[in-house]
Amino acid sequence: METYSTEKGQIVIPDSLRRKYGIKIGTKIIVLDNGEEIVLRPVNEQYLMKLQGLLNGWGTLKI
């Protein structure tokens, strides 16, 4: 899949990917630079559920 950036640096995410990842009007997108590529991560219900799973048990640390 290919897309182009505008003069302002805006890009269009193809409709098939927006549907696949639940990106709707107003969805926040996290832009990550991992040193080799740019990663776009939508902050939607799927992302928040995944994040919640990663954080389970963090508050139970005993010292």
Protein backbone atom coordinates (compact mmCIF):
# COMPACT_ATOMS: atom_id res chain seq x y z
CA MET A 1 0.00 0.00 0.00
CA GLU A 2 1.34 3.41 -0.89
CA THR A 3 0.34 6.91 0.13
CA TYR A 4 1.85 10.37 -0.27
CA SER A 5 2.34 13.25 2.12
CA THR A 6 1.00 16.74 1.49
CA GLU A 7 2.93 20.01 1.73
CA LYS A 8 1.93 20.13 5.41
CA GLY A 9 3.20 16.57 6.04
CA GLN A 10 -0.29 15.09 6.27
CA ILE A 11 -0.90 11.56 5.03
CA VAL A 12 -4.03 9.62 4.12
CA ILE A 13 -4.52 6.25 5.82
CA PRO A 14 -6.30 3.97 3.33
CA ASP A 15 -9.91 3.10 4.16
CA SER A 16 -9.19 -0.64 4.45
CA LEU A 17 -6.60 0.01 7.18
CA ARG A 18 -8.84 2.53 8.98
CA ARG A 19 -11.59 -0.11 9.14
CA LYS A 20 -9.18 -2.88 10.18
CA TYR A 21 -7.76 -0.85 13.08
CA GLY A 22 -10.97 0.93 14.14
CA ILE A 23 -9.78 4.42 13.19
CA LYS A 24 -12.72 6.82 13.07
CA ILE A 25 -13.03 10.60 12.92
CA GLY A 26 -11.33 12.00 16.02
CA THR A 27 -9.33 8.86 16.87
CA LYS A 28 -6.03 9.84 18.48
CA ILE A 29 -2.92 8.43 16.79
CA ILE A 30 0.38 7.89 18.60
CA VAL A 31 3.37 8.50 16.31
CA LEU A 32 6.44 6.50 17.35
CA ASP A 33 9.99 6.63 15.97
CA ASN A 34 11.76 3.36 16.71
CA GLY A 35 14.99 4.44 15.00
CA GLU A 36 14.33 2.59 11.76
CA GLU A 37 10.71 3.39 10.94
CA ILE A 38 7.72 5.49 11.90
CA VAL A 39 4.91 3.57 13.61
CA LEU A 40 1.35 4.91 13.80
CA ARG A 41 -0.67 3.45 16.65
CA PRO A 42 -4.36 4.34 17.04
CA VAL A 43 -5.56 4.95 20.59
CA ASN A 44 -8.86 3.10 20.41
CA GLU A 45 -10.68 0.44 22.43
CA GLN A 46 -8.46 -2.38 21.08
CA TYR A 47 -5.28 -0.50 22.05
CA LEU A 48 -6.59 0.38 25.52
CA MET A 49 -7.62 -3.25 26.19
CA LYS A 50 -4.14 -4.43 25.17
CA LEU A 51 -2.55 -1.78 27.39
CA GLN A 52 -4.78 -2.78 30.31
CA GLY A 53 -3.54 -6.38 29.97
CA LEU A 54 0.08 -5.22 30.13
CA LEU A 55 -0.54 -3.19 33.29
CA ASN A 56 -2.42 -5.89 35.25
CA GLY A 57 -0.50 -6.73 38.40
CA TRP A 58 1.69 -3.58 38.47
CA GLY A 59 0.07 -2.34 41.69
CA THR A 60 0.86 -5.54 43.63
CA LEU A 61 4.65 -5.18 43.88
CA LYS A 62 5.82 -6.11 47.39
CA ILE A 63 9.15 -4.90 48.74
